[in-house]
Amino acid sequence: MIRKCLFPAAGYGTRFLPATKSMPKEVLPILNKPLIQYGVEEAVSADIHQIGIVTGRGKRAVEDHFDINYELEHQISGSAKESYLVDIRSLLDQCTFSYTRQIEMKGLGHAILTGETLIGPEPFAVVLADDLCVNSDGDSVLTQMKKVYEKYRCSVVAIEEVPKDETYKYGVIEASQLEDNVFVINDMVEKPAPEDAPSNLAIIGRYILTPDIFDIIRETPPGKGGELQITDALKIQAQRNMVLALKFEGQRFDCGSIDGFVEATNFFYNKLKASE
């Protein structure tokens, strides 16, 4: 059973400077809801209620968001504005939130390893909040991945097709098909140049990992950019056992970029207007 979801949230968010100079990118709002709240809601939709967050300096707003603001709630109590807090109150009732701090930014692999203290020896999900995923017609991306994990009991990554000239932004896999939209990973490369990419199937910010990944990360040497890359660790895991990739149903917005952030805002705004 997947009980825990880890959110690496210690990065600097440099693509959104100067806004992220003092504001964590994870609390940048899509309409009136912070990015990380969408991710936690996705975890809850997959029946995952133990939330671990890896934070860093200047990230107190993340912790404050998933807490009760007694003064604010007193001020709006009994007013129409009280309805604005229904969703976050629901999450606070359903979830537990635990935090640990990443002292140095050494890559996603290092962030996940830092979260070991919150996870322990059990399989877990990982959500990168700036990859905002929606599936209006069915299961959330994390729910889809959880079903694959429950069938095969191995690590699972979410993938999507990307333009060949954009492979340099992602971890890219080489794989063989196991069943519809599920692939066995044979190899993977972190941010390859288009001419070196083994495919156009790119890993996005959703993972389900088995606990042996922690020891593998510990023995993985620094990779691209001198950082501990989760892609490199997963490549080792795939060689030793099996790692699957799910080509998920739904839509992903790269909210770590200005274009993706605006696209997500427009999508949710139009969805809101259509429901009124």
C-alpha atoms as a PDB file:
ATOM      1  CA  MET A   1       0.000   0.000   0.000  1.00  0.00           C
ATOM      2  CA  ILE A   2       1.226   3.499  -0.834  1.00  0.00           C
ATOM      3  CA  ARG A   3       0.576   5.594   2.271  1.00  0.00           C
ATOM      4  CA  LYS A   4       3.024   8.471   1.885  1.00  0.00           C
ATOM      5  CA  CYS A   5       3.707  11.155  -0.705  1.00  0.00           C
ATOM      6  CA  LEU A   6       6.911  13.194  -0.746  1.00  0.00           C
ATOM      7  CA  PHE A   7       7.035  16.755  -2.087  1.00  0.00           C
ATOM      8  CA  PRO A   8      10.538  18.084  -2.814  1.00  0.00           C
ATOM      9  CA  ALA A   9      10.035  21.814  -2.234  1.00  0.00           C
ATOM     10  CA  ALA A  10      13.433  23.255  -1.419  1.00  0.00           C
ATOM     11  CA  GLY A  11      14.375  24.664  -4.843  1.00  0.00           C
ATOM     12  CA  TYR A  12      14.992  28.327  -5.523  1.00  0.00           C
ATOM     13  CA  GLY A  13      12.447  28.789  -8.336  1.00  0.00           C
ATOM     14  CA  THR A  14      14.886  30.936 -10.305  1.00  0.00           C
ATOM     15  CA  ARG A  15      12.738  30.940 -13.449  1.00  0.00           C
ATOM     16  CA  PHE A  16      10.207  33.066 -11.549  1.00  0.00           C
ATOM     17  CA  LEU A  17      12.550  35.672 -10.146  1.00  0.00           C
ATOM     18  CA  PRO A  18      12.025  38.250  -8.787  1.00  0.00           C
ATOM     19  CA  ALA A  19       8.655  36.881  -7.525  1.00  0.00           C
ATOM     20  CA  THR A  20      10.371  33.893  -5.897  1.00  0.00           C
ATOM     21  CA  LYS A  21      13.033  35.984  -4.204  1.00  0.00           C
ATOM     22  CA  SER A  22      10.947  35.897  -1.032  1.00  0.00           C
ATOM     23  CA  MET A  23       7.965  33.702  -2.044  1.00  0.00           C
ATOM     24  CA  PRO A  24       8.323  29.917  -2.501  1.00  0.00           C
ATOM     25  CA  LYS A  25       7.443  28.888  -6.045  1.00  0.00           C
ATOM     26  CA  GLU A  26       5.281  26.137  -4.534  1.00  0.00           C
ATOM     27  CA  VAL A  27       2.804  28.722  -3.203  1.00  0.00           C
ATOM     28  CA  LEU A  28       2.497  30.661  -6.437  1.00  0.00           C
ATOM     29  CA  PRO A  29      -1.248  30.571  -7.153  1.00  0.00           C
ATOM     30  CA  ILE A  30      -3.098  29.118 -10.096  1.00  0.00           C
ATOM     31  CA  LEU A  31      -6.215  31.242  -9.691  1.00  0.00           C
ATOM     32  CA  ASN A  32      -6.662  31.314  -5.893  1.00  0.00           C
ATOM     33  CA  LYS A  33      -4.937  28.041  -4.987  1.00  0.00           C
ATOM     34  CA  PRO A  34      -1.187  27.442  -4.479  1.00  0.00           C
ATOM     35  CA  LEU A  35       0.554  24.988  -6.768  1.00  0.00           C
ATOM     36  CA  ILE A  36       1.436  22.631  -3.937  1.00  0.00           C
ATOM     37  CA  GLN A  37      -2.191  22.395  -2.835  1.00  0.00           C
ATOM     38  CA  TYR A  38      -3.134  20.990  -6.240  1.00  0.00           C
ATOM     39  CA  GLY A  39      -0.447  18.345  -5.713  1.00  0.00           C
ATOM     40  CA  VAL A  40      -1.678  17.421  -2.247  1.00  0.00           C
ATOM     41  CA  GLU A  41      -5.223  17.157  -3.575  1.00  0.00           C
ATOM     42  CA  GLU A  42      -3.941  14.767  -6.246  1.00  0.00           C
ATOM     43  CA  ALA A  43      -2.298  12.643  -3.539  1.00  0.00           C
ATOM     44  CA  VAL A  44      -5.560  12.533  -1.570  1.00  0.00           C
ATOM     45  CA  SER A  45      -7.428  11.531  -4.730  1.00  0.00           C
ATOM     46  CA  ALA A  46      -5.111   8.488  -4.806  1.00  0.00           C
ATOM     47  CA  ASP A  47      -5.972   7.746  -1.146  1.00  0.00           C
ATOM     48  CA  ILE A  48      -2.563   8.932   0.074  1.00  0.00           C
ATOM     49  CA  HIS A  49      -2.882  11.008   3.230  1.00  0.00           C
ATOM     50  CA  GLN A  50       0.579  11.154   4.812  1.00  0.00           C
ATOM     51  CA  ILE A  51       2.325  14.122   3.223  1.00  0.00           C
ATOM     52  CA  GLY A  52       6.063  14.684   3.608  1.00  0.00           C
ATOM     53  CA  ILE A  53       7.570  17.949   2.393  1.00  0.00           C
ATOM     54  CA  VAL A  54      11.283  18.625   1.897  1.00  0.00           C
ATOM     55  CA  THR A  55      11.752  22.346   2.469  1.00  0.00           C
ATOM     56  CA  GLY A  56      14.632  24.792   2.585  1.00  0.00           C
ATOM     57  CA  ARG A  57      15.435  28.311   3.665  1.00  0.00           C
ATOM     58  CA  GLY A  58      12.685  30.813   2.953  1.00  0.00           C
ATOM     59  CA  LYS A  59       9.961  28.170   2.660  1.00  0.00           C
ATOM     60  CA  ARG A  60       7.993  28.912   5.800  1.00  0.00           C
ATOM     61  CA  ALA A  61       4.958  29.932   3.719  1.00  0.00           C
ATOM     62  CA  VAL A  62       4.578  26.289   2.638  1.00  0.00           C
ATOM     63  CA  GLU A  63       4.269  25.144   6.253  1.00  0.00           C
ATOM     64  CA  ASP A  64       1.996  28.053   7.151  1.00  0.00           C
ATOM     65  CA  HIS A  65      -0.360  27.231   4.281  1.00  0.00           C
ATOM     66  CA  PHE A  66      -0.993  23.738   5.648  1.00  0.00           C
ATOM     67  CA  ASP A  67      -1.857  25.047   9.097  1.00  0.00           C
ATOM     68  CA  ILE A  68      -4.710  26.873  10.800  1.00  0.00           C
ATOM     69  CA  ASN A  69      -4.623  30.681  10.770  1.00  0.00           C
ATOM     70  CA  TYR A  70      -6.767  31.405  13.801  1.00  0.00           C
ATOM     71  CA  GLU A  71      -6.787  35.190  13.384  1.00  0.00           C
ATOM     72  CA  LEU A  72      -7.851  34.992   9.739  1.00  0.00           C
ATOM     73  CA  GLU A  73     -10.521  32.384  10.426  1.00  0.00           C
ATOM     74  CA  HIS A  74     -11.902  34.478  13.285  1.00  0.00           C
ATOM     75  CA  GLN A  75     -12.109  37.542  11.052  1.00  0.00           C
ATOM     76  CA  ILE A  76     -14.076  35.821   8.275  1.00  0.00           C
ATOM     77  CA  SER A  77     -16.130  33.495  10.477  1.00  0.00           C
ATOM     78  CA  GLY A  78     -19.797  33.600   9.514  1.00  0.00           C
ATOM     79  CA  SER A  79     -19.156  35.571   6.316  1.00  0.00           C
ATOM     80  CA  ALA A  80     -19.378  34.465   2.697  1.00  0.00           C
ATOM     81  CA  LYS A  81     -15.570  34.473   2.552  1.00  0.00           C
ATOM     82  CA  GLU A  82     -15.475  31.500   4.894  1.00  0.00           C
ATOM     83  CA  SER A  83     -16.268  29.291   1.895  1.00  0.00           C
ATOM     84  CA  TYR A  84     -12.850  30.133   0.415  1.00  0.00           C
ATOM     85  CA  LEU A  85     -11.211  27.943   3.057  1.00  0.00           C
ATOM     86  CA  VAL A  86     -13.364  24.836   2.560  1.00  0.00           C
ATOM     87  CA  ASP A  87     -10.822  23.003   0.359  1.00  0.00           C
ATOM     88  CA  ILE A  88      -7.781  23.656   2.536  1.00  0.00           C
ATOM     89  CA  ARG A  89      -9.695  22.799   5.722  1.00  0.00           C
ATOM     90  CA  SER A  90     -10.662  19.503   4.123  1.00  0.00           C
ATOM     91  CA  LEU A  91      -7.006  18.710   3.429  1.00  0.00           C
ATOM     92  CA  LEU A  92      -6.026  19.590   6.996  1.00  0.00           C
ATOM     93  CA  ASP A  93      -8.701  17.214   8.282  1.00  0.00           C
ATOM     94  CA  GLN A  94      -7.661  14.363   5.970  1.00  0.00           C
ATOM     95  CA  CYS A  95      -3.869  14.613   5.956  1.00  0.00           C
ATOM     96  CA  THR A  96      -0.878  14.705   8.238  1.00  0.00           C
ATOM     97  CA  PHE A  97       2.010  16.980   7.202  1.00  0.00           C
ATOM     98  CA  SER A  98       5.641  16.372   8.120  1.00  0.00           C
ATOM     99  CA  TYR A  99       8.675  18.439   7.144  1.00  0.00           C
ATOM    100  CA  THR A 100      12.416  18.118   6.876  1.00  0.00           C
ATOM    101  CA  ARG A 101      14.934  20.622   5.547  1.00  0.00           C
ATOM    102  CA  GLN A 102      17.350  20.164   2.664  1.00  0.00           C
ATOM    103  CA  ILE A 103      20.438  22.122   3.690  1.00  0.00           C
ATOM    104  CA  GLU A 104      22.080  22.152   0.247  1.00  0.00           C
ATOM    105  CA  MET A 105      20.477  21.963  -3.189  1.00  0.00           C
ATOM    106  CA  LYS A 106      22.180  18.965  -4.814  1.00  0.00           C
ATOM    107  CA  GLY A 107      19.531  17.754  -7.230  1.00  0.00           C
ATOM    108  CA  LEU A 108      16.246  15.876  -7.116  1.00  0.00           C
ATOM    109  CA  GLY A 109      17.919  12.630  -6.082  1.00  0.00           C
ATOM    110  CA  HIS A 110      19.437  14.373  -3.072  1.00  0.00           C
ATOM    111  CA  ALA A 111      16.068  15.958  -2.193  1.00  0.00           C
ATOM    112  CA  ILE A 112      14.384  12.547  -2.238  1.00  0.00           C
ATOM    113  CA  LEU A 113      17.180  11.072  -0.125  1.00  0.00           C
ATOM    114  CA  THR A 114      16.724  13.927   2.348  1.00  0.00           C
ATOM    115  CA  GLY A 115      13.091  12.857   2.650  1.00  0.00           C
ATOM    116  CA  GLU A 116      14.020   9.324   3.747  1.00  0.00           C
ATOM    117  CA  THR A 117      13.509  10.324   7.374  1.00  0.00           C
ATOM    118  CA  LEU A 118       9.860  11.116   6.570  1.00  0.00           C
ATOM    119  CA  ILE A 119       9.250   7.955   4.530  1.00  0.00           C
ATOM    120  CA  GLY A 120      11.020   5.057   6.179  1.00  0.00           C
ATOM    121  CA  PRO A 121      11.259   1.550   4.657  1.00  0.00           C
ATOM    122  CA  GLU A 122       8.132   1.559   2.521  1.00  0.00           C
ATOM    123  CA  PRO A 123       7.102   2.419  -1.046  1.00  0.00           C
ATOM    124  CA  PHE A 124       6.048   6.006  -1.580  1.00  0.00           C
ATOM    125  CA  ALA A 125       4.930   8.549  -4.155  1.00  0.00           C
ATOM    126  CA  VAL A 126       6.800  11.673  -5.205  1.00  0.00           C
ATOM    127  CA  VAL A 127       5.075  14.747  -6.634  1.00  0.00           C
ATOM    128  CA  LEU A 128       6.847  17.775  -8.066  1.00  0.00           C
ATOM    129  CA  ALA A 129       4.353  20.562  -7.451  1.00  0.00           C
ATOM    130  CA  ASP A 130       5.383  22.648 -10.460  1.00  0.00           C
ATOM    131  CA  ASP A 131       4.227  19.824 -12.744  1.00  0.00           C
ATOM    132  CA  LEU A 132       0.480  20.403 -12.431  1.00  0.00           C
ATOM    133  CA  CYS A 133      -1.457  17.417 -13.788  1.00  0.00           C
ATOM    134  CA  VAL A 134      -5.177  17.122 -14.442  1.00  0.00           C
ATOM    135  CA  ASN A 135      -7.398  14.431 -15.898  1.00  0.00           C
ATOM    136  CA  SER A 136     -10.933  15.724 -16.185  1.00  0.00           C
ATOM    137  CA  ASP A 137     -12.235  12.440 -17.618  1.00  0.00           C
ATOM    138  CA  GLY A 138     -11.063   9.921 -15.045  1.00  0.00           C
ATOM    139  CA  ASP A 139      -8.444   8.964 -12.484  1.00  0.00           C
ATOM    140  CA  SER A 140      -5.737  11.395 -11.451  1.00  0.00           C
ATOM    141  CA  VAL A 141      -2.229  10.694 -12.717  1.00  0.00           C
ATOM    142  CA  LEU A 142      -1.112   9.463  -9.283  1.00  0.00           C
ATOM    143  CA  THR A 143      -4.124   7.132  -9.077  1.00  0.00           C
ATOM    144  CA  GLN A 144      -3.251   5.688 -12.490  1.00  0.00           C
ATOM    145  CA  MET A 145       0.331   5.119 -11.364  1.00  0.00           C
ATOM    146  CA  LYS A 146      -0.770   3.538  -8.106  1.00  0.00           C
ATOM    147  CA  LYS A 147      -2.796   0.952 -10.028  1.00  0.00           C
ATOM    148  CA  VAL A 148       0.297   0.022 -12.056  1.00  0.00           C
ATOM    149  CA  TYR A 149       2.351  -0.271  -8.870  1.00  0.00           C
ATOM    150  CA  GLU A 150      -0.255  -2.485  -7.218  1.00  0.00           C
ATOM    151  CA  LYS A 151      -0.123  -4.827 -10.218  1.00  0.00           C
ATOM    152  CA  TYR A 152       3.664  -5.076 -10.634  1.00  0.00           C
ATOM    153  CA  ARG A 153       5.109  -3.950  -7.243  1.00  0.00           C
ATOM    154  CA  CYS A 154       8.033  -1.980  -8.642  1.00  0.00           C
ATOM    155  CA  SER A 155       8.975   1.651  -9.154  1.00  0.00           C
ATOM    156  CA  VAL A 156       6.822   3.548 -11.664  1.00  0.00           C
ATOM    157  CA  VAL A 157       7.484   6.878 -13.392  1.00  0.00           C
ATOM    158  CA  ALA A 158       5.033   8.992 -15.368  1.00  0.00           C
ATOM    159  CA  ILE A 159       5.983   9.817 -18.943  1.00  0.00           C
ATOM    160  CA  GLU A 160       4.648  11.845 -21.824  1.00  0.00           C
ATOM    161  CA  GLU A 161       5.707  12.440 -25.401  1.00  0.00           C
ATOM    162  CA  VAL A 162       7.565  15.702 -25.911  1.00  0.00           C
ATOM    163  CA  PRO A 163       8.849  17.392 -29.070  1.00  0.00           C
ATOM    164  CA  LYS A 164      12.223  15.928 -30.012  1.00  0.00           C
ATOM    165  CA  ASP A 165      13.887  19.330 -29.763  1.00  0.00           C
ATOM    166  CA  GLU A 166      12.834  19.617 -26.088  1.00  0.00           C
ATOM    167  CA  THR A 167      14.421  16.408 -24.769  1.00  0.00           C
ATOM    168  CA  TYR A 168      17.221  18.458 -23.205  1.00  0.00           C
ATOM    169  CA  LYS A 169      14.742  19.549 -20.500  1.00  0.00           C
ATOM    170  CA  TYR A 170      13.883  16.061 -19.235  1.00  0.00           C
ATOM    171  CA  GLY A 171      15.001  12.619 -18.241  1.00  0.00           C
ATOM    172  CA  VAL A 172      14.274  10.547 -21.361  1.00  0.00           C
ATOM    173  CA  ILE A 173      13.717   6.793 -21.454  1.00  0.00           C
ATOM    174  CA  GLU A 174      14.402   3.936 -23.840  1.00  0.00           C
ATOM    175  CA  ALA A 175      11.830   1.242 -23.209  1.00  0.00           C
ATOM    176  CA  SER A 176       9.869  -1.731 -24.495  1.00  0.00           C
ATOM    177  CA  GLN A 177       6.095  -1.928 -24.266  1.00  0.00           C
ATOM    178  CA  LEU A 178       4.638  -4.214 -21.586  1.00  0.00           C
ATOM    179  CA  GLU A 179       0.943  -3.412 -22.080  1.00  0.00           C
ATOM    180  CA  ASP A 180      -1.148  -0.472 -23.257  1.00  0.00           C
ATOM    181  CA  ASN A 181       0.620   2.709 -22.120  1.00  0.00           C
ATOM    182  CA  VAL A 182       2.963   0.774 -19.781  1.00  0.00           C
ATOM    183  CA  PHE A 183       6.633   0.323 -20.674  1.00  0.00           C
ATOM    184  CA  VAL A 184       9.601  -1.504 -19.169  1.00  0.00           C
ATOM    185  CA  ILE A 185      12.532   0.910 -18.937  1.00  0.00           C
ATOM    186  CA  ASN A 186      15.769  -0.390 -20.453  1.00  0.00           C
ATOM    187  CA  ASP A 187      17.751   2.834 -20.263  1.00  0.00           C
ATOM    188  CA  MET A 188      17.332   6.497 -19.435  1.00  0.00           C
ATOM    189  CA  VAL A 189      19.343   9.637 -20.000  1.00  0.00           C
ATOM    190  CA  GLU A 190      19.173  12.895 -18.051  1.00  0.00           C
ATOM    191  CA  LYS A 191      18.524  15.933 -20.283  1.00  0.00           C
ATOM    192  CA  PRO A 192      20.027  14.583 -23.509  1.00  0.00           C
ATOM    193  CA  ALA A 193      20.630  16.706 -26.563  1.00  0.00           C
ATOM    194  CA  PRO A 194      17.983  15.930 -29.226  1.00  0.00           C
ATOM    195  CA  GLU A 195      20.474  13.978 -31.327  1.00  0.00           C
ATOM    196  CA  ASP A 196      21.408  11.826 -28.308  1.00  0.00           C
ATOM    197  CA  ALA A 197      17.902  11.180 -26.968  1.00  0.00           C
ATOM    198  CA  PRO A 198      16.870   7.498 -27.089  1.00  0.00           C
ATOM    199  CA  SER A 199      13.211   8.488 -27.643  1.00  0.00           C
ATOM    200  CA  ASN A 200      10.825  11.368 -27.103  1.00  0.00           C
ATOM    201  CA  LEU A 201       9.297   9.764 -23.984  1.00  0.00           C
ATOM    202  CA  ALA A 202      10.102  12.135 -21.128  1.00  0.00           C
ATOM    203  CA  ILE A 203       9.753  11.598 -17.380  1.00  0.00           C
ATOM    204  CA  ILE A 204       7.592  14.199 -15.661  1.00  0.00           C
ATOM    205  CA  GLY A 205       7.230  15.040 -11.980  1.00  0.00           C
ATOM    206  CA  ARG A 206       5.360  11.971 -10.753  1.00  0.00           C
ATOM    207  CA  TYR A 207       7.041   8.889  -9.300  1.00  0.00           C
ATOM    208  CA  ILE A 208       6.195   5.854  -7.212  1.00  0.00           C
ATOM    209  CA  LEU A 209       9.404   4.492  -5.712  1.00  0.00           C
ATOM    210  CA  THR A 210      10.282   1.372  -3.780  1.00  0.00           C
ATOM    211  CA  PRO A 211      12.354   1.988  -0.628  1.00  0.00           C
ATOM    212  CA  ASP A 212      15.559   0.437  -1.993  1.00  0.00           C
ATOM    213  CA  ILE A 213      15.890   3.649  -4.015  1.00  0.00           C
ATOM    214  CA  PHE A 214      17.407   5.343  -0.953  1.00  0.00           C
ATOM    215  CA  ASP A 215      20.423   3.014  -0.825  1.00  0.00           C
ATOM    216  CA  ILE A 216      20.772   3.276  -4.594  1.00  0.00           C
ATOM    217  CA  ILE A 217      20.839   7.087  -4.435  1.00  0.00           C
ATOM    218  CA  ARG A 218      23.486   6.883  -1.718  1.00  0.00           C
ATOM    219  CA  GLU A 219      25.778   4.896  -4.002  1.00  0.00           C
ATOM    220  CA  THR A 220      25.005   6.884  -7.160  1.00  0.00           C
ATOM    221  CA  PRO A 221      27.773   9.320  -8.150  1.00  0.00           C
ATOM    222  CA  PRO A 222      26.882  12.930  -9.022  1.00  0.00           C
ATOM    223  CA  GLY A 223      25.656  13.231 -12.582  1.00  0.00           C
ATOM    224  CA  LYS A 224      24.707  16.066 -14.915  1.00  0.00           C
ATOM    225  CA  GLY A 225      25.451  19.451 -13.362  1.00  0.00           C
ATOM    226  CA  GLY A 226      27.295  17.782 -10.489  1.00  0.00           C
ATOM    227  CA  GLU A 227      23.967  16.899  -8.876  1.00  0.00           C
ATOM    228  CA  LEU A 228      22.490  13.642  -7.609  1.00  0.00           C
ATOM    229  CA  GLN A 229      20.029  12.801 -10.371  1.00  0.00           C
ATOM    230  CA  ILE A 230      17.060  10.567  -9.619  1.00  0.00           C
ATOM    231  CA  THR A 231      17.269   9.510 -13.276  1.00  0.00           C
ATOM    232  CA  ASP A 232      20.704   7.968 -12.658  1.00  0.00           C
ATOM    233  CA  ALA A 233      19.459   6.120  -9.583  1.00  0.00           C
ATOM    234  CA  LEU A 234      16.408   4.806 -11.425  1.00  0.00           C
ATOM    235  CA  LYS A 235      18.648   3.588 -14.237  1.00  0.00           C
ATOM    236  CA  ILE A 236      20.569   1.466 -11.710  1.00  0.00           C
ATOM    237  CA  GLN A 237      17.315   0.236 -10.205  1.00  0.00           C
ATOM    238  CA  ALA A 238      16.027  -0.714 -13.666  1.00  0.00           C
ATOM    239  CA  GLN A 239      19.172  -2.760 -14.306  1.00  0.00           C
ATOM    240  CA  ARG A 240      18.838  -4.627 -11.003  1.00  0.00           C
ATOM    241  CA  ASN A 241      15.105  -5.188 -10.973  1.00  0.00           C
ATOM    242  CA  MET A 242      12.358  -3.547 -13.037  1.00  0.00           C
ATOM    243  CA  VAL A 243      11.191   0.041 -13.388  1.00  0.00           C
ATOM    244  CA  LEU A 244       8.025   0.809 -15.325  1.00  0.00           C
ATOM    245  CA  ALA A 245       6.892   3.932 -17.130  1.00  0.00           C
ATOM    246  CA  LEU A 246       3.240   4.899 -17.489  1.00  0.00           C
ATOM    247  CA  LYS A 247       2.112   7.048 -20.377  1.00  0.00           C
ATOM    248  CA  PHE A 248      -0.664   8.659 -18.380  1.00  0.00           C
ATOM    249  CA  GLU A 249      -4.067   9.911 -19.415  1.00  0.00           C
ATOM    250  CA  GLY A 250      -4.541  13.603 -18.765  1.00  0.00           C
ATOM    251  CA  GLN A 251      -2.785  16.902 -19.242  1.00  0.00           C
ATOM    252  CA  ARG A 252       0.361  18.287 -17.657  1.00  0.00           C
ATOM    253  CA  PHE A 253       1.261  21.941 -17.247  1.00  0.00           C
ATOM    254  CA  ASP A 254       4.895  22.873 -16.694  1.00  0.00           C
ATOM    255  CA  CYS A 255       4.242  25.533 -14.074  1.00  0.00           C
ATOM    256  CA  GLY A 256       7.952  25.930 -13.518  1.00  0.00           C
ATOM    257  CA  SER A 257       7.933  27.972 -16.728  1.00  0.00           C
ATOM    258  CA  ILE A 258       6.122  31.222 -17.454  1.00  0.00           C
ATOM    259  CA  ASP A 259       4.370  29.766 -20.517  1.00  0.00           C
ATOM    260  CA  GLY A 260       3.122  26.697 -18.642  1.00  0.00           C
ATOM    261  CA  PHE A 261       2.035  28.769 -15.656  1.00  0.00           C
ATOM    262  CA  VAL A 262      -0.063  31.063 -17.868  1.00  0.00           C
ATOM    263  CA  GLU A 263      -1.470  28.076 -19.768  1.00  0.00           C
ATOM    264  CA  ALA A 264      -2.548  26.420 -16.491  1.00  0.00           C
ATOM    265  CA  THR A 265      -4.092  29.651 -15.235  1.00  0.00           C
ATOM    266  CA  ASN A 266      -6.117  30.021 -18.436  1.00  0.00           C
ATOM    267  CA  PHE A 267      -7.182  26.358 -18.316  1.00  0.00           C
ATOM    268  CA  PHE A 268      -8.511  26.571 -14.755  1.00  0.00           C
ATOM    269  CA  TYR A 269     -10.079  29.962 -15.350  1.00  0.00           C
ATOM    270  CA  ASN A 270     -12.006  28.682 -18.361  1.00  0.00           C
ATOM    271  CA  LYS A 271     -12.981  25.563 -16.408  1.00  0.00           C
ATOM    272  CA  LEU A 272     -14.285  27.753 -13.565  1.00  0.00           C
ATOM    273  CA  LYS A 273     -16.288  29.955 -15.911  1.00  0.00           C
ATOM    274  CA  ALA A 274     -17.760  26.942 -17.685  1.00  0.00           C
ATOM    275  CA  SER A 275     -19.027  25.587 -14.352  1.00  0.00           C
ATOM    276  CA  GLU A 276     -20.767  28.828 -13.338  1.00  0.00           C
END
